[in-house]
PDB file of N, CA and C in Angstrom:
ATOM      1  N   MET A   1     -41.588  -3.765   1.265  1.00  0.00           N
ATOM      2  CA  MET A   1     -39.762  -3.643   1.583  1.00  0.00           C
ATOM      3  C   MET A   1     -39.168  -4.735   0.880  1.00  0.00           C
ATOM      4  N   SER A   2     -38.530  -3.979   0.135  1.00  0.00           N
ATOM      5  CA  SER A   2     -37.322  -5.534  -0.490  1.00  0.00           C
ATOM      6  C   SER A   2     -36.405  -5.278  -0.323  1.00  0.00           C
ATOM      7  N   THR A   3     -35.874  -6.458   0.254  1.00  0.00           N
ATOM      8  CA  THR A   3     -34.423  -6.582   0.252  1.00  0.00           C
ATOM      9  C   THR A   3     -33.411  -7.239  -0.949  1.00  0.00           C
ATOM     10  N   ARG A   4     -32.234  -6.383  -0.976  1.00  0.00           N
ATOM     11  CA  ARG A   4     -31.151  -6.430  -1.906  1.00  0.00           C
ATOM     12  C   ARG A   4     -30.345  -7.258  -1.384  1.00  0.00           C
ATOM     13  N   THR A   5     -29.656  -8.314  -2.485  1.00  0.00           N
ATOM     14  CA  THR A   5     -28.495  -9.324  -1.751  1.00  0.00           C
ATOM     15  C   THR A   5     -27.165  -8.407  -3.025  1.00  0.00           C
ATOM     16  N   SER A   6     -26.428  -8.586  -2.080  1.00  0.00           N
ATOM     17  CA  SER A   6     -25.137  -8.370  -3.172  1.00  0.00           C
ATOM     18  C   SER A   6     -24.333  -9.149  -3.231  1.00  0.00           C
ATOM     19  N   THR A   7     -24.228  -9.457  -4.301  1.00  0.00           N
ATOM     20  CA  THR A   7     -23.284 -10.558  -5.384  1.00  0.00           C
ATOM     21  C   THR A   7     -21.887  -9.906  -5.255  1.00  0.00           C
ATOM     22  N   PRO A   8     -20.943 -10.853  -4.739  1.00  0.00           N
ATOM     23  CA  PRO A   8     -19.292 -10.078  -5.054  1.00  0.00           C
ATOM     24  C   PRO A   8     -19.060  -9.254  -6.757  1.00  0.00           C
ATOM     25  N   SER A   9     -19.859  -9.623  -7.885  1.00  0.00           N
ATOM     26  CA  SER A   9     -19.596  -8.804  -8.817  1.00  0.00           C
ATOM     27  C   SER A   9     -20.663  -7.671  -8.739  1.00  0.00           C
ATOM     28  N   ALA A  10     -21.656  -7.046  -7.952  1.00  0.00           N
ATOM     29  CA  ALA A  10     -22.479  -6.255  -8.079  1.00  0.00           C
ATOM     30  C   ALA A  10     -21.296  -5.104  -7.807  1.00  0.00           C
ATOM     31  N   LYS A  11     -21.944  -4.075  -8.561  1.00  0.00           N
ATOM     32  CA  LYS A  11     -21.290  -2.495  -8.190  1.00  0.00           C
ATOM     33  C   LYS A  11     -21.999  -1.590  -8.071  1.00  0.00           C
ATOM     34  N   ASP A  12     -21.991  -1.512  -6.518  1.00  0.00           N
ATOM     35  CA  ASP A  12     -23.195  -0.506  -6.151  1.00  0.00           C
ATOM     36  C   ASP A  12     -22.582   0.892  -5.324  1.00  0.00           C
ATOM     37  N   GLU A  13     -21.180   1.076  -5.825  1.00  0.00           N
ATOM     38  CA  GLU A  13     -20.897   2.134  -5.577  1.00  0.00           C
ATOM     39  C   GLU A  13     -20.260   3.067  -6.715  1.00  0.00           C
ATOM     40  N   ARG A  14     -19.943   4.374  -6.418  1.00  0.00           N
ATOM     41  CA  ARG A  14     -19.476   5.056  -7.605  1.00  0.00           C
ATOM     42  C   ARG A  14     -18.275   6.155  -6.913  1.00  0.00           C
ATOM     43  N   PHE A  15     -17.318   6.307  -8.140  1.00  0.00           N
ATOM     44  CA  PHE A  15     -16.643   7.370  -7.769  1.00  0.00           C
ATOM     45  C   PHE A  15     -16.763   8.487  -8.937  1.00  0.00           C
ATOM     46  N   ASN A  16     -16.568   9.637  -8.176  1.00  0.00           N
ATOM     47  CA  ASN A  16     -16.644  10.898  -9.153  1.00  0.00           C
ATOM     48  C   ASN A  16     -15.443  11.700  -8.965  1.00  0.00           C
ATOM     49  N   ILE A  17     -14.646  11.915  -9.941  1.00  0.00           N
ATOM     50  CA  ILE A  17     -13.719  12.447 -10.147  1.00  0.00           C
ATOM     51  C   ILE A  17     -14.017  13.624 -11.145  1.00  0.00           C
ATOM     52  N   ARG A  18     -13.293  15.165 -10.650  1.00  0.00           N
ATOM     53  CA  ARG A  18     -13.004  16.229 -11.538  1.00  0.00           C
ATOM     54  C   ARG A  18     -11.885  15.928 -12.303  1.00  0.00           C
ATOM     55  N   THR A  19     -11.630  16.495 -13.609  1.00  0.00           N
ATOM     56  CA  THR A  19     -10.786  16.195 -14.592  1.00  0.00           C
ATOM     57  C   THR A  19     -10.638  17.291 -15.649  1.00  0.00           C
ATOM     58  N   LYS A  20      -9.521  17.585 -15.876  1.00  0.00           N
ATOM     59  CA  LYS A  20      -9.372  18.791 -17.182  1.00  0.00           C
ATOM     60  C   LYS A  20     -10.008  17.805 -18.818  1.00  0.00           C
ATOM     61  N   ARG A  21     -10.297  18.749 -19.711  1.00  0.00           N
ATOM     62  CA  ARG A  21     -10.589  17.893 -20.642  1.00  0.00           C
ATOM     63  C   ARG A  21      -9.188  17.420 -21.702  1.00  0.00           C
ATOM     64  N   ASP A  22      -8.179  17.645 -21.182  1.00  0.00           N
ATOM     65  CA  ASP A  22      -7.760  16.459 -22.421  1.00  0.00           C
ATOM     66  C   ASP A  22      -6.732  15.945 -21.630  1.00  0.00           C
ATOM     67  N   GLU A  23      -7.127  15.738 -19.875  1.00  0.00           N
ATOM     68  CA  GLU A  23      -6.762  14.691 -18.670  1.00  0.00           C
ATOM     69  C   GLU A  23      -8.000  13.607 -19.502  1.00  0.00           C
ATOM     70  N   LYS A  24      -8.950  13.955 -19.724  1.00  0.00           N
ATOM     71  CA  LYS A  24      -9.979  13.313 -19.483  1.00  0.00           C
ATOM     72  C   LYS A  24     -10.083  12.040 -21.087  1.00  0.00           C
ATOM     73  N   GLU A  25      -9.610  13.354 -21.835  1.00  0.00           N
ATOM     74  CA  GLU A  25      -9.400  12.607 -23.296  1.00  0.00           C
ATOM     75  C   GLU A  25      -8.032  11.583 -23.599  1.00  0.00           C
ATOM     76  N   LEU A  26      -6.948  11.740 -22.934  1.00  0.00           N
ATOM     77  CA  LEU A  26      -6.226  10.752 -22.783  1.00  0.00           C
ATOM     78  C   LEU A  26      -6.574   9.429 -22.220  1.00  0.00           C
ATOM     79  N   VAL A  27      -7.082   9.731 -21.364  1.00  0.00           N
ATOM     80  CA  VAL A  27      -7.705   8.514 -20.477  1.00  0.00           C
ATOM     81  C   VAL A  27      -8.756   7.672 -21.283  1.00  0.00           C
ATOM     82  N   GLU A  28      -9.957   8.466 -21.895  1.00  0.00           N
ATOM     83  CA  GLU A  28     -10.472   7.863 -23.226  1.00  0.00           C
ATOM     84  C   GLU A  28      -9.608   7.297 -24.364  1.00  0.00           C
ATOM     85  N   ARG A  29      -8.742   7.672 -24.435  1.00  0.00           N
ATOM     86  CA  ARG A  29      -8.103   6.908 -25.561  1.00  0.00           C
ATOM     87  C   ARG A  29      -7.523   5.704 -25.597  1.00  0.00           C
ATOM     88  N   ALA A  30      -6.685   6.023 -24.387  1.00  0.00           N
ATOM     89  CA  ALA A  30      -6.038   4.766 -23.837  1.00  0.00           C
ATOM     90  C   ALA A  30      -7.205   3.803 -23.550  1.00  0.00           C
ATOM     91  N   ALA A  31      -8.312   4.121 -22.990  1.00  0.00           N
ATOM     92  CA  ALA A  31      -9.240   3.091 -22.823  1.00  0.00           C
ATOM     93  C   ALA A  31      -9.553   2.193 -23.838  1.00  0.00           C
ATOM     94  N   ALA A  32      -9.906   3.187 -24.768  1.00  0.00           N
ATOM     95  CA  ALA A  32     -10.181   2.587 -26.519  1.00  0.00           C
ATOM     96  C   ALA A  32      -9.218   1.901 -26.391  1.00  0.00           C
ATOM     97  N   ALA A  33      -7.764   2.425 -26.738  1.00  0.00           N
ATOM     98  CA  ALA A  33      -6.690   1.625 -27.249  1.00  0.00           C
ATOM     99  C   ALA A  33      -6.785  -0.179 -26.402  1.00  0.00           C
ATOM    100  N   SER A  34      -7.124   0.027 -25.300  1.00  0.00           N
ATOM    101  CA  SER A  34      -6.833  -1.256 -24.338  1.00  0.00           C
ATOM    102  C   SER A  34      -8.254  -1.992 -24.472  1.00  0.00           C
ATOM    103  N   HIS A  35      -9.034  -2.001 -25.291  1.00  0.00           N
ATOM    104  CA  HIS A  35     -10.626  -2.297 -25.380  1.00  0.00           C
ATOM    105  C   HIS A  35     -10.768  -2.390 -24.234  1.00  0.00           C
ATOM    106  N   MET A  36     -11.165  -1.294 -23.387  1.00  0.00           N
ATOM    107  CA  MET A  36     -11.900  -1.280 -22.206  1.00  0.00           C
ATOM    108  C   MET A  36     -12.580  -0.001 -22.371  1.00  0.00           C
ATOM    109  N   THR A  37     -13.330  -0.144 -21.493  1.00  0.00           N
ATOM    110  CA  THR A  37     -14.403   1.169 -21.299  1.00  0.00           C
ATOM    111  C   THR A  37     -13.554   1.764 -20.316  1.00  0.00           C
ATOM    112  N   THR A  38     -13.957   3.539 -20.629  1.00  0.00           N
ATOM    113  CA  THR A  38     -13.443   4.481 -19.480  1.00  0.00           C
ATOM    114  C   THR A  38     -13.366   3.950 -18.200  1.00  0.00           C
ATOM    115  N   SER A  39     -14.622   3.432 -17.539  1.00  0.00           N
ATOM    116  CA  SER A  39     -14.477   2.773 -16.368  1.00  0.00           C
ATOM    117  C   SER A  39     -13.545   1.823 -16.049  1.00  0.00           C
ATOM    118  N   GLN A  40     -13.589   1.003 -16.773  1.00  0.00           N
ATOM    119  CA  GLN A  40     -12.524  -0.487 -16.586  1.00  0.00           C
ATOM    120  C   GLN A  40     -11.577   0.287 -16.455  1.00  0.00           C
ATOM    121  N   PHE A  41     -11.112   0.699 -17.528  1.00  0.00           N
ATOM    122  CA  PHE A  41      -9.431   1.288 -17.567  1.00  0.00           C
ATOM    123  C   PHE A  41      -9.132   2.018 -16.435  1.00  0.00           C
ATOM    124  N   VAL A  42     -10.151   3.229 -15.791  1.00  0.00           N
ATOM    125  CA  VAL A  42      -9.619   3.719 -15.036  1.00  0.00           C
ATOM    126  C   VAL A  42      -9.983   2.928 -13.450  1.00  0.00           C
ATOM    127  N   MET A  43     -10.470   2.398 -13.457  1.00  0.00           N
ATOM    128  CA  MET A  43     -10.470   1.083 -12.216  1.00  0.00           C
ATOM    129  C   MET A  43      -9.564   0.308 -12.379  1.00  0.00           C
ATOM    130  N   GLN A  44      -9.439  -0.075 -13.284  1.00  0.00           N
ATOM    131  CA  GLN A  44      -8.240  -1.463 -12.767  1.00  0.00           C
ATOM    132  C   GLN A  44      -6.955  -0.290 -12.919  1.00  0.00           C
ATOM    133  N   ALA A  45      -6.694   1.133 -13.443  1.00  0.00           N
ATOM    134  CA  ALA A  45      -5.172   1.670 -13.043  1.00  0.00           C
ATOM    135  C   ALA A  45      -5.201   1.986 -11.641  1.00  0.00           C
ATOM    136  N   ALA A  46      -6.678   2.259 -11.230  1.00  0.00           N
ATOM    137  CA  ALA A  46      -6.867   2.927  -9.542  1.00  0.00           C
ATOM    138  C   ALA A  46      -6.203   1.498  -8.975  1.00  0.00           C
ATOM    139  N   LEU A  47      -6.776   0.169  -8.433  1.00  0.00           N
ATOM    140  CA  LEU A  47      -6.696  -0.949  -8.198  1.00  0.00           C
ATOM    141  C   LEU A  47      -4.945  -1.210  -8.213  1.00  0.00           C
ATOM    142  N   ARG A  48      -4.219  -0.968  -9.576  1.00  0.00           N
ATOM    143  CA  ARG A  48      -2.957  -1.023  -9.514  1.00  0.00           C
ATOM    144  C   ARG A  48      -2.083  -0.606  -8.775  1.00  0.00           C
ATOM    145  N   SER A  49      -2.539   0.670  -8.827  1.00  0.00           N
ATOM    146  CA  SER A  49      -1.783   1.844  -7.956  1.00  0.00           C
ATOM    147  C   SER A  49      -2.307   1.765  -6.404  1.00  0.00           C
ATOM    148  N   ALA A  50      -3.053   1.217  -6.057  1.00  0.00           N
ATOM    149  CA  ALA A  50      -3.899   0.968  -4.620  1.00  0.00           C
ATOM    150  C   ALA A  50      -2.779   0.001  -3.700  1.00  0.00           C
ATOM    151  N   GLU A  51      -2.746  -1.449  -4.844  1.00  0.00           N
ATOM    152  CA  GLU A  51      -2.163  -2.454  -4.462  1.00  0.00           C
ATOM    153  C   GLU A  51      -0.552  -2.127  -4.332  1.00  0.00           C
ATOM    154  N   GLU A  52      -0.004  -1.671  -5.263  1.00  0.00           N
ATOM    155  CA  GLU A  52       1.436  -0.940  -5.222  1.00  0.00           C
ATOM    156  C   GLU A  52       1.779  -0.234  -3.822  1.00  0.00           C
ATOM    157  N   VAL A  53       0.854   0.904  -3.812  1.00  0.00           N
ATOM    158  CA  VAL A  53       1.317   1.393  -2.482  1.00  0.00           C
ATOM    159  C   VAL A  53       0.864   0.605  -1.492  1.00  0.00           C
ATOM    160  N   LEU A  54      -0.126  -0.418  -1.167  1.00  0.00           N
ATOM    161  CA  LEU A  54      -0.239  -0.924  -0.219  1.00  0.00           C
ATOM    162  C   LEU A  54       0.657  -2.206   0.448  1.00  0.00           C
ATOM    163  N   ALA A  55       0.791  -2.690  -0.920  1.00  0.00           N
ATOM    164  CA  ALA A  55       2.084  -3.803  -0.549  1.00  0.00           C
ATOM    165  C   ALA A  55       3.366  -3.262  -0.194  1.00  0.00           C
ATOM    166  N   ASP A  56       3.549  -2.184  -0.530  1.00  0.00           N
ATOM    167  CA  ASP A  56       4.701  -1.316  -0.508  1.00  0.00           C
ATOM    168  C   ASP A  56       5.284  -1.245   1.154  1.00  0.00           C
ATOM    169  N   ARG A  57       3.587  -1.206   2.039  1.00  0.00           N
ATOM    170  CA  ARG A  57       3.742  -0.924   3.493  1.00  0.00           C
ATOM    171  C   ARG A  57       3.393  -2.326   4.100  1.00  0.00           C
ATOM    172  N   THR A  58       3.380  -3.187   3.778  1.00  0.00           N
ATOM    173  CA  THR A  58       2.703  -4.603   4.283  1.00  0.00           C
ATOM    174  C   THR A  58       3.480  -5.621   3.798  1.00  0.00           C
ATOM    175  N   ARG A  59       4.104  -5.553   3.035  1.00  0.00           N
ATOM    176  CA  ARG A  59       4.898  -7.209   2.792  1.00  0.00           C
ATOM    177  C   ARG A  59       6.106  -6.785   1.331  1.00  0.00           C
ATOM    178  N   PHE A  60       7.257  -7.610   1.813  1.00  0.00           N
ATOM    179  CA  PHE A  60       8.423  -7.511   1.000  1.00  0.00           C
ATOM    180  C   PHE A  60       8.737  -8.822   0.655  1.00  0.00           C
ATOM    181  N   VAL A  61       9.039  -8.871  -0.571  1.00  0.00           N
ATOM    182  CA  VAL A  61       9.632 -10.434  -1.086  1.00  0.00           C
ATOM    183  C   VAL A  61      11.112 -10.666  -1.350  1.00  0.00           C
ATOM    184  N   LEU A  62      11.446 -11.512  -0.887  1.00  0.00           N
ATOM    185  CA  LEU A  62      13.137 -11.661  -0.977  1.00  0.00           C
ATOM    186  C   LEU A  62      13.229 -12.849  -1.685  1.00  0.00           C
ATOM    187  N   PRO A  63      14.351 -13.156  -2.163  1.00  0.00           N
ATOM    188  CA  PRO A  63      14.931 -14.573  -2.959  1.00  0.00           C
ATOM    189  C   PRO A  63      15.546 -15.390  -1.497  1.00  0.00           C
ATOM    190  N   PRO A  64      15.422 -16.384  -1.798  1.00  0.00           N
ATOM    191  CA  PRO A  64      15.647 -17.865  -0.559  1.00  0.00           C
ATOM    192  C   PRO A  64      16.589 -17.323   0.059  1.00  0.00           C
ATOM    193  N   ALA A  65      17.824 -17.033  -0.418  1.00  0.00           N
ATOM    194  CA  ALA A  65      19.024 -16.645  -0.130  1.00  0.00           C
ATOM    195  C   ALA A  65      19.044 -15.573   1.135  1.00  0.00           C
ATOM    196  N   GLU A  66      18.253 -14.469   0.239  1.00  0.00           N
ATOM    197  CA  GLU A  66      18.259 -13.156   1.283  1.00  0.00           C
ATOM    198  C   GLU A  66      16.968 -13.241   2.412  1.00  0.00           C
ATOM    199  N   TRP A  67      16.203 -14.266   2.064  1.00  0.00           N
ATOM    200  CA  TRP A  67      15.486 -14.642   3.219  1.00  0.00           C
ATOM    201  C   TRP A  67      15.992 -14.967   4.423  1.00  0.00           C
ATOM    202  N   GLU A  68      17.161 -15.941   3.903  1.00  0.00           N
ATOM    203  CA  GLU A  68      17.834 -17.093   5.284  1.00  0.00           C
ATOM    204  C   GLU A  68      18.433 -15.957   5.903  1.00  0.00           C
ATOM    205  N   ALA A  69      19.019 -15.092   5.349  1.00  0.00           N
ATOM    206  CA  ALA A  69      20.250 -14.277   5.698  1.00  0.00           C
ATOM    207  C   ALA A  69      19.645 -12.931   6.592  1.00  0.00           C
ATOM    208  N   PHE A  70      18.147 -12.510   6.185  1.00  0.00           N
ATOM    209  CA  PHE A  70      16.973 -11.676   6.649  1.00  0.00           C
ATOM    210  C   PHE A  70      17.044 -12.362   7.775  1.00  0.00           C
ATOM    211  N   THR A  71      16.107 -13.824   8.128  1.00  0.00           N
ATOM    212  CA  THR A  71      15.528 -14.246   9.359  1.00  0.00           C
ATOM    213  C   THR A  71      16.906 -14.574  10.134  1.00  0.00           C
ATOM    214  N   ALA A  72      18.307 -14.911   9.748  1.00  0.00           N
ATOM    215  CA  ALA A  72      19.299 -15.160  10.521  1.00  0.00           C
ATOM    216  C   ALA A  72      19.305 -13.743  11.264  1.00  0.00           C
ATOM    217  N   ALA A  73      19.311 -12.433  10.836  1.00  0.00           N
ATOM    218  CA  ALA A  73      19.473 -11.437  11.432  1.00  0.00           C
ATOM    219  C   ALA A  73      18.626 -10.998  12.534  1.00  0.00           C
ATOM    220  N   LEU A  74      17.194 -11.296  12.066  1.00  0.00           N
ATOM    221  CA  LEU A  74      16.299 -11.011  13.137  1.00  0.00           C
ATOM    222  C   LEU A  74      16.212 -11.898  14.575  1.00  0.00           C
ATOM    223  N   ASP A  75      16.626 -13.508  14.107  1.00  0.00           N
ATOM    224  CA  ASP A  75      16.812 -14.245  15.216  1.00  0.00           C
ATOM    225  C   ASP A  75      17.938 -13.822  16.264  1.00  0.00           C
ATOM    226  N   ARG A  76      19.351 -13.199  15.607  1.00  0.00           N
ATOM    227  CA  ARG A  76      20.244 -13.093  16.415  1.00  0.00           C
ATOM    228  C   ARG A  76      19.807 -12.317  17.674  1.00  0.00           C
ATOM    229  N   PRO A  77      20.586 -12.220  19.315  1.00  0.00           N
ATOM    230  CA  PRO A  77      20.458 -11.923  20.136  1.00  0.00           C
ATOM    231  C   PRO A  77      20.984 -10.237  19.562  1.00  0.00           C
ATOM    232  N   ALA A  78      20.102  -9.132  20.042  1.00  0.00           N
ATOM    233  CA  ALA A  78      20.520  -8.001  20.226  1.00  0.00           C
ATOM    234  C   ALA A  78      22.000  -7.556  20.591  1.00  0.00           C
ATOM    235  N   ARG A  79      22.903  -6.556  20.038  1.00  0.00           N
ATOM    236  CA  ARG A  79      24.259  -6.294  20.183  1.00  0.00           C
ATOM    237  C   ARG A  79      24.243  -5.187  21.451  1.00  0.00           C
ATOM    238  N   GLU A  80      24.901  -5.333  22.584  1.00  0.00           N
ATOM    239  CA  GLU A  80      24.877  -4.021  23.600  1.00  0.00           C
ATOM    240  C   GLU A  80      25.723  -3.066  23.135  1.00  0.00           C
ATOM    241  N   ILE A  81      24.841  -1.712  22.884  1.00  0.00           N
ATOM    242  CA  ILE A  81      25.846  -0.498  22.429  1.00  0.00           C
ATOM    243  C   ILE A  81      25.812   0.468  23.596  1.00  0.00           C
ATOM    244  N   LEU A  82      26.929   0.385  24.048  1.00  0.00           N
ATOM    245  CA  LEU A  82      26.998   1.176  25.147  1.00  0.00           C
ATOM    246  C   LEU A  82      26.552   2.545  25.483  1.00  0.00           C
ATOM    247  N   SER A  83      26.672   3.042  24.424  1.00  0.00           N
ATOM    248  CA  SER A  83      26.488   4.754  24.505  1.00  0.00           C
ATOM    249  C   SER A  83      25.023   4.566  24.512  1.00  0.00           C
ATOM    250  N   LEU A  84      23.793   3.651  24.202  1.00  0.00           N
ATOM    251  CA  LEU A  84      22.793   3.824  24.272  1.00  0.00           C
ATOM    252  C   LEU A  84      22.361   3.127  25.449  1.00  0.00           C
ATOM    253  N   LYS A  85      22.849   2.416  25.919  1.00  0.00           N
ATOM    254  CA  LYS A  85      22.740   1.888  27.265  1.00  0.00           C
ATOM    255  C   LYS A  85      22.405   3.026  28.088  1.00  0.00           C
ATOM    256  N   THR A  86      24.028   3.346  28.239  1.00  0.00           N
ATOM    257  CA  THR A  86      24.435   4.917  29.155  1.00  0.00           C
ATOM    258  C   THR A  86      22.945   6.253  28.589  1.00  0.00           C
ATOM    259  N   ALA A  87      23.025   6.356  27.744  1.00  0.00           N
ATOM    260  CA  ALA A  87      22.091   7.484  27.381  1.00  0.00           C
ATOM    261  C   ALA A  87      20.545   6.781  27.603  1.00  0.00           C
ATOM    262  N   ALA A  88      19.880   5.592  28.317  1.00  0.00           N
ATOM    263  CA  ALA A  88      18.685   5.072  28.061  1.00  0.00           C
ATOM    264  C   ALA A  88      18.461   5.224  30.358  1.00  0.00           C
ATOM    265  N   GLU A  89      19.771   4.779  30.758  1.00  0.00           N
ATOM    266  CA  GLU A  89      20.162   5.450  32.342  1.00  0.00           C
ATOM    267  C   GLU A  89      19.655   6.413  32.761  1.00  0.00           C
ATOM    268  N   LYS A  90      19.870   7.351  31.999  1.00  0.00           N
ATOM    269  CA  LYS A  90      19.650   8.854  32.143  1.00  0.00           C
ATOM    270  C   LYS A  90      18.919   9.642  32.805  1.00  0.00           C
ATOM    271  N   PRO A  91      18.383  10.070  33.466  1.00  0.00           N
ATOM    272  CA  PRO A  91      16.714  10.817  33.654  1.00  0.00           C
ATOM    273  C   PRO A  91      16.109  11.327  32.823  1.00  0.00           C
ATOM    274  N   SER A  92      15.023  10.890  32.395  1.00  0.00           N
ATOM    275  CA  SER A  92      14.595  11.823  31.069  1.00  0.00           C
ATOM    276  C   SER A  92      14.455  13.491  31.669  1.00  0.00           C
ATOM    277  N   PRO A  93      14.342  14.042  31.119  1.00  0.00           N
ATOM    278  CA  PRO A  93      14.217  15.492  31.001  1.00  0.00           C
ATOM    279  C   PRO A  93      12.862  16.372  31.492  1.00  0.00           C
ATOM    280  N   PHE A  94      11.577  15.150  30.663  1.00  0.00           N
ATOM    281  CA  PHE A  94      10.366  14.940  30.730  1.00  0.00           C
ATOM    282  C   PHE A  94       9.778  14.481  31.848  1.00  0.00           C
ATOM    283  N   SER A  95      10.945  13.847  32.729  1.00  0.00           N
ATOM    284  CA  SER A  95      10.105  13.265  34.105  1.00  0.00           C
ATOM    285  C   SER A  95      10.953  13.743  35.209  1.00  0.00           C
ATOM    286  N   ASP A  96      10.030  13.335  35.963  1.00  0.00           N
ATOM    287  CA  ASP A  96       9.841  14.011  37.422  1.00  0.00           C
ATOM    288  C   ASP A  96      11.116  13.215  38.322  1.00  0.00           C
ATOM    289  N   ARG A  97      12.152  12.684  37.939  1.00  0.00           N
ATOM    290  CA  ARG A  97      12.882  11.698  38.369  1.00  0.00           C
ATOM    291  C   ARG A  97      14.003  12.998  38.899  1.00  0.00           C
TER     292      ARG A  97
END
C-alpha cells in the first residue's frame, strides 16, 4: 500500500474537452505566440475567466470617495414608503388570514 501526498504544485486532475479542428488550431497558435504549452494557455485563460465571473458576484471595488458615499447610504435609516407599508399590511392572497 502506498500513500501519495499532494503538493500545492501537483497536477492530479484533468479536463477533457471536445472542440472543432479550427478552434484547436487557433488556441495552439495563440499558445505558441505566448510561449506556453496549449495546456498552460487554456488553463490560464480559463482561470482568468473564472475569476472574473466570480469576482463580479462576490466583490466590487470603489474609489475612496465613492466607498464613503456607499457606506453612508448603507448606514442611513431606511425611509418609510407609505405605499409599501400599506401593501405589507394587507392580508396575503396566499395566507389563511
